[in-house]
Amino acid sequence: MRAPVDVPRARDYLTILARGWVIILLATLLAPGAAYVVQKLTFDKGYTASALLFAQVAGDPGTYSAYAGGLGANARMATYSSLAQSRVISQRAIDETGLPMTAEQLAASTTATWEPYGINRFGMPSSVLLRVTVTGADPEQTVTAVNALAANLAKLSGELEWIQAEPTDAIQYTGPVAQLVPVDAAAAAHKVQPDVTNTLIIAAGVGFALSAVLVLAVGIARDNVLTRGQLVDVVNGTMST
């Protein structure tokens, strides 16, 4: 089936795009540059610092106890992650360091997750290492905040599961059943870097698409004969009528 004479065909669209290749190329190249400048001007400068903690469960050195302790530590990671981002821990850190912020603000700028992130075959976190991260505007305050959070989180984890052995107990143990132990404190904060690569790729795609649509719209609106084939079709259509 042949298209009507006045209806553009696929090759006509390609011809319009080919004639406007300079505009399309410029838009594709300039859009990422403009997006990069805008991102630099509007991106909020910030810093991140993180501390690492290890979850351990008390037990004897036997094989089964070590295995059960590992599972117990895995099962507690989600709870520890939530505690790290709670107002209770944030308030303790602020009271200890005198940081000029509220507990709500500190909690909102805190993230915590186990690493490497994943779920084991029992549906529990697959790691016993917890990474606590704080984002802030001041590098020194950010380091102070995350280290205070990590220290208070470790302390609270032991307080929540503290047990006191009775004289008649078969096992004489006094201490936390499980707790977090600091492994690596934050020494310096790092600048938060924007995701430039994705920004440039998206901007280039948007620039190409918009310029192509604009070139097609202008070309079609002009209603000009673009190719010799179009001219032949117009003449043949006119003669047939």
Protein backbone atom coordinates (compact mmCIF):
# COMPACT_ATOMS: atom_id res chain seq x y z
CA MET A 1 0.00 0.00 0.00
CA ARG A 2 1.43 3.38 -1.04
CA ALA A 3 1.11 6.39 1.23
CA PRO A 4 -0.83 9.41 -0.09
CA VAL A 5 1.27 11.94 -1.95
CA ASP A 6 1.03 14.58 0.80
CA VAL A 7 2.03 12.21 3.60
CA PRO A 8 5.78 12.23 4.50
CA ARG A 9 7.48 8.87 4.26
CA ALA A 10 10.29 7.41 6.34
CA ARG A 11 12.94 8.59 3.89
CA ASP A 12 11.47 12.09 4.04
CA TYR A 13 11.93 12.19 7.81
CA LEU A 14 15.50 10.98 7.41
CA THR A 15 16.14 13.67 4.82
CA ILE A 16 14.83 16.36 7.18
CA LEU A 17 17.06 15.04 9.98
CA ALA A 18 20.07 14.88 7.66
CA ARG A 19 19.58 18.49 6.62
CA GLY A 20 19.40 19.57 10.25
CA TRP A 21 22.38 17.51 11.41
CA VAL A 22 24.32 20.61 12.50
CA ILE A 23 21.55 21.68 14.88
CA ILE A 24 21.19 18.16 16.26
CA LEU A 25 24.95 17.82 16.76
CA LEU A 26 25.25 21.18 18.51
CA ALA A 27 22.30 20.43 20.80
CA THR A 28 23.72 17.00 21.66
CA LEU A 29 27.10 18.52 22.54
CA LEU A 30 25.92 21.68 24.28
CA ALA A 31 23.21 20.09 26.45
CA PRO A 32 25.70 18.09 28.60
CA GLY A 33 27.82 21.21 29.07
CA ALA A 34 24.83 23.24 30.21
CA ALA A 35 23.70 20.43 32.52
CA TYR A 36 27.19 20.20 34.04
CA VAL A 37 27.28 23.94 34.77
CA VAL A 38 23.80 23.88 36.31
CA GLN A 39 24.71 20.88 38.46
CA LYS A 40 27.87 22.58 39.71
CA LEU A 41 25.99 25.74 40.60
CA THR A 42 23.04 24.05 42.32
CA PHE A 43 24.71 21.04 43.95
CA ASP A 44 24.87 21.38 47.72
CA LYS A 45 28.45 20.89 48.86
CA GLY A 46 28.70 18.35 51.64
CA TYR A 47 30.95 15.83 53.33
CA THR A 48 30.56 12.23 54.43
CA ALA A 49 32.38 10.24 57.09
CA SER A 50 31.82 6.66 58.16
CA ALA A 51 32.74 4.28 60.95
CA LEU A 52 32.74 0.48 60.92
CA LEU A 53 31.46 -1.79 63.70
CA PHE A 54 31.49 -5.55 64.20
CA ALA A 55 28.62 -7.52 65.75
CA GLN A 56 29.59 -10.30 68.13
CA VAL A 57 27.64 -12.73 70.29
CA ALA A 58 29.01 -14.16 73.53
CA GLY A 59 29.65 -17.91 73.66
CA ASP A 60 32.23 -20.63 74.19
CA PRO A 61 34.88 -21.33 71.55
CA GLY A 62 33.18 -24.52 70.36
CA THR A 63 32.23 -25.00 66.72
CA TYR A 64 28.48 -25.03 67.30
CA SER A 65 28.61 -21.98 69.56
CA ALA A 66 30.59 -20.09 66.96
CA TYR A 67 28.06 -21.05 64.27
CA ALA A 68 25.08 -20.11 66.44
CA GLY A 69 26.78 -16.89 67.46
CA GLY A 70 27.29 -15.96 63.82
CA LEU A 71 23.61 -16.50 63.08
CA GLY A 72 22.69 -14.48 66.15
CA ALA A 73 24.89 -11.62 65.03
CA ASN A 74 23.38 -11.74 61.52
CA ALA A 75 19.88 -11.62 62.96
CA ARG A 76 20.65 -8.45 64.92
CA MET A 77 22.08 -6.39 62.04
CA ALA A 78 18.76 -4.95 60.89
CA THR A 79 18.02 -3.85 64.46
CA TYR A 80 21.45 -2.28 64.83
CA SER A 81 20.93 -0.44 61.54
CA SER A 82 17.66 1.03 62.80
CA LEU A 83 19.20 1.97 66.16
CA ALA A 84 22.03 3.83 64.43
CA GLN A 85 19.49 6.07 62.73
CA SER A 86 17.33 6.56 65.81
CA ARG A 87 16.80 9.72 67.81
CA VAL A 88 18.05 7.99 70.98
CA ILE A 89 21.55 7.43 69.61
CA SER A 90 21.64 10.87 67.98
CA GLN A 91 20.71 12.57 71.24
CA ARG A 92 23.42 10.70 73.13
CA ALA A 93 26.00 11.72 70.55
CA ILE A 94 24.91 15.37 70.71
CA ASP A 95 24.95 15.40 74.52
CA GLU A 96 28.45 13.94 74.48
CA THR A 97 29.98 16.21 71.84
CA GLY A 98 27.87 19.36 71.99
CA LEU A 99 27.21 19.33 68.25
CA PRO A 100 25.15 22.37 67.14
CA MET A 101 22.18 20.42 65.80
CA THR A 102 19.09 18.61 66.98
CA ALA A 103 18.75 14.87 67.37
CA GLU A 104 16.25 14.85 64.51
CA GLN A 105 18.70 16.61 62.19
CA LEU A 106 21.53 14.22 63.03
CA ALA A 107 19.31 11.17 62.64
CA ALA A 108 18.12 12.42 59.25
CA SER A 109 21.71 12.78 58.02
CA THR A 110 22.71 9.28 59.21
CA THR A 111 22.61 6.04 57.25
CA ALA A 112 23.62 2.58 58.40
CA THR A 113 23.83 -0.71 56.55
CA TRP A 114 25.74 -3.95 56.77
CA GLU A 115 28.48 -4.64 54.26
CA PRO A 116 28.80 -6.36 51.99
CA TYR A 117 25.06 -5.88 51.64
CA GLY A 118 22.98 -9.01 51.05
CA ILE A 119 20.60 -11.57 52.51
CA ASN A 120 21.65 -15.13 53.40
CA ARG A 121 19.65 -18.32 52.86
CA PHE A 122 17.94 -17.84 56.20
CA GLY A 123 16.54 -14.47 55.14
CA MET A 124 18.88 -12.56 57.44
CA PRO A 125 21.64 -10.03 56.69
CA SER A 126 24.67 -11.81 55.28
CA SER A 127 27.28 -9.75 57.15
CA VAL A 128 28.15 -8.80 60.72
CA LEU A 129 29.92 -5.58 59.72
CA LEU A 130 27.88 -2.40 60.10
CA ARG A 131 28.86 0.78 58.26
CA VAL A 132 27.51 3.97 59.85
CA THR A 133 27.73 7.09 57.67
CA VAL A 134 26.96 10.73 58.41
CA THR A 135 26.59 13.52 55.86
CA GLY A 136 27.19 17.12 56.90
CA ALA A 137 28.27 20.57 55.77
CA ASP A 138 31.34 20.78 58.03
CA PRO A 139 34.03 18.08 57.68
CA GLU A 140 35.24 18.20 61.30
CA GLN A 141 31.73 18.09 62.73
CA THR A 142 30.85 15.23 60.40
CA VAL A 143 33.78 13.14 61.66
CA THR A 144 32.96 13.98 65.27
CA ALA A 145 29.31 13.07 64.76
CA VAL A 146 29.87 9.68 63.15
CA ASN A 147 32.48 8.61 65.72
CA ALA A 148 30.19 9.66 68.57
CA LEU A 149 27.29 7.79 66.98
CA ALA A 150 29.38 4.64 66.55
CA ALA A 151 30.65 4.75 70.13
CA ASN A 152 27.18 5.29 71.60
CA LEU A 153 25.66 2.64 69.36
CA ALA A 154 28.23 0.11 70.57
CA LYS A 155 27.55 1.09 74.17
CA LEU A 156 23.76 0.88 73.80
CA SER A 157 23.93 -2.49 72.05
CA GLY A 158 25.68 -3.91 75.11
CA GLU A 159 23.28 -2.25 77.54
CA LEU A 160 20.23 -3.71 75.80
CA GLU A 161 21.45 -7.30 76.19
CA TRP A 162 23.31 -7.14 79.48
CA ILE A 163 22.82 -10.14 81.75
CA GLN A 164 23.83 -10.78 85.36
CA ALA A 165 24.51 -14.38 86.33
CA GLU A 166 22.92 -15.66 89.51
CA PRO A 167 25.03 -17.58 92.03
CA THR A 168 23.04 -20.73 91.24
CA ASP A 169 23.46 -20.49 87.47
CA ALA A 170 25.44 -23.26 85.82
CA ILE A 171 27.25 -20.74 83.65
CA GLN A 172 28.70 -17.80 85.50
CA TYR A 173 28.71 -14.95 82.99
CA THR A 174 28.06 -11.29 83.47
CA GLY A 175 28.06 -9.05 80.44
CA PRO A 176 26.28 -8.46 77.15
CA VAL A 177 24.88 -11.45 75.27
CA ALA A 178 25.61 -9.56 72.07
CA GLN A 179 27.08 -6.18 71.24
CA LEU A 180 28.71 -4.07 68.57
CA VAL A 181 32.46 -3.53 68.72
CA PRO A 182 34.10 -0.53 66.97
CA VAL A 183 36.48 -1.66 64.24
CA ASP A 184 37.42 1.42 62.26
CA ALA A 185 36.71 4.98 63.39
CA ALA A 186 36.40 7.85 60.93
CA ALA A 187 39.63 9.81 60.52
CA ALA A 188 38.60 12.28 57.82
CA ALA A 189 35.55 13.36 55.88
CA HIS A 190 35.26 13.13 52.12
CA LYS A 191 33.54 15.52 49.75
CA VAL A 192 30.25 14.37 48.31
CA GLN A 193 30.72 14.21 44.55
CA PRO A 194 27.76 14.57 42.17
CA ASP A 195 27.10 11.80 39.64
CA VAL A 196 28.50 13.65 36.62
CA THR A 197 28.52 10.68 34.24
CA ASN A 198 24.81 9.98 34.43
CA THR A 199 24.05 13.69 34.19
CA LEU A 200 26.06 14.04 30.99
CA ILE A 201 24.55 10.94 29.40
CA ILE A 202 20.98 11.97 30.20
CA ALA A 203 21.58 15.55 29.05
CA ALA A 204 23.07 14.35 25.75
CA GLY A 205 20.08 12.08 25.16
CA VAL A 206 17.60 14.85 25.97
CA GLY A 207 19.46 17.32 23.75
CA PHE A 208 19.50 14.88 20.85
CA ALA A 209 15.83 13.95 21.20
CA LEU A 210 14.54 17.51 21.57
CA SER A 211 16.64 18.85 18.69
CA ALA A 212 15.56 15.98 16.43
CA VAL A 213 11.89 16.62 17.21
CA LEU A 214 12.36 20.35 16.63
CA VAL A 215 14.11 19.80 13.29
CA LEU A 216 11.35 17.43 12.17
CA ALA A 217 8.62 19.82 13.28
CA VAL A 218 10.14 22.77 11.42
CA GLY A 219 10.82 20.68 8.32
CA ILE A 220 7.28 19.36 8.17
CA ALA A 221 5.76 22.78 8.89
CA ARG A 222 7.60 24.33 5.93
CA ASP A 223 5.86 21.87 3.60
CA ASN A 224 8.73 21.99 1.09
CA VAL A 225 9.68 19.37 -1.49
CA LEU A 226 12.82 17.80 -0.08
CA THR A 227 13.85 15.15 -2.60
CA ARG A 228 13.55 14.39 -6.28
CA GLY A 229 11.43 11.39 -5.41
CA GLN A 230 8.98 13.64 -3.60
CA LEU A 231 8.79 15.89 -6.63
CA VAL A 232 8.04 12.94 -8.88
CA ASP A 233 5.32 11.76 -6.50
CA VAL A 234 3.76 15.22 -6.44
CA VAL A 235 3.81 15.51 -10.24
CA ASN A 236 2.40 12.02 -10.72
CA GLY A 237 -0.30 12.68 -8.15
CA THR A 238 -1.23 15.96 -9.83
CA MET A 239 -1.38 14.39 -13.30
CA SER A 240 -3.51 11.51 -12.08
CA THR A 241 -6.12 13.93 -10.72
